[in-house]
Amino acid sequence: MSTVYACPLSHTLISLSGKDKLSYLHGQVTQDINKLSNDNFLWAGHCNAKGKLWGVFKLFTYQDNYYLVGSKPEVAQSLGELKKYAVFSQVEIEQSDKSLIGLIGEDLTSTLTLLNIHFNDTQTAVDFAGGKALKLADNRVLLVVNNDFSLPDDITALDNDSMWQEAAIAAAEPSLNKDAIGEYVPQMVNLQAIGGISFRKGCYTGQETVARMKYLGKNKRAMYIVAGKADGLLDELELETQMGENWRRAGKLISQSYNQQTHTLMGLVVLPNDNETGHVLRAKHLPQVELSIQALPYSLEDE
């Protein structure tokens, strides 16, 4: 029987309620909110007026509220930005106190059955007695639960979310650390490749830049997975690439995870989009740490 692990996640939630929540959020994010239902979750970006990302979020609905799941820096930034103009609409925006648990394992079937969570072939989100479940992949399900929720005894509870974050990086799911807030246009973190940008919806903050990147071919950068041996997480995030005999700046890690068993560091970094799998980068402040570019699990070819 496959071991199932439960990771307490460091990510947090923004909740939106009120009768104007759909129209308000629709004008703020890259996603078409009309595509959201009780049975799915959607990726979405929240940009500033110049089209640079405040955050990348998993968006879902639960008990007549909208929720945005993101990293702590993303939530802190977007919460303040979303609240700025909320006074002109009938919408309430706040940070949610619900907890996030990541279930990860080769076979989640028995665990999900035990929790009375049942996904059909078309669902990526379902309600259950403890809250909401989001299916990110066959081996990863995100639980959004109240603080009184308790896990079944047959699940191995971990004390951190490094396993979850490693899997998210391997899936090339964008997530911004503090240094990356306000630095990248959505296409630079591959948001279009995971269905997080609607090019057919109405206006939203930063839309002009996002559209220009697509239709005028202005984007020359993309997000890549890198991995290599290290002694721990990097304190300094800047990576370098070799040009002849010299090394020059390549980009900064926007997220990273460390596997203590394999001594492997994995991360996501935005680079010029002509980089190839296998190309080796190094940490600027720890040159002995070499990270090679890994194959992406999805295509960056335009639709």
Foldseek 3Di string as FASTA:
>chain_A
DKAKEKAFAQKFKKKKAFPCRQVLVCQFWQDNSVPADQFAWAWIFGAAQQQATLWIFTWHDWPRMIMTIAHPSSCVRVQVVSVPPCVVDGMDMDIDPWTKMKMFIPACVVQCVVQVHDHDPPGQKHAGPFGIWGHPDRGIIMDTGHPVDDGDPRHHYDHHCLVVVVVCLLQLPDHFDNVRRRPDRCVLSPCVQRPHGDPPGDHHRNNVVNVCCPPVVPDFKHKFKKKFADQADDPFFWKWADDPPDIDTFFGFRDWHADPVVNMIMTMTMGGPVDDFQGWIADPVHRVTIITTHDHPTDSDDD
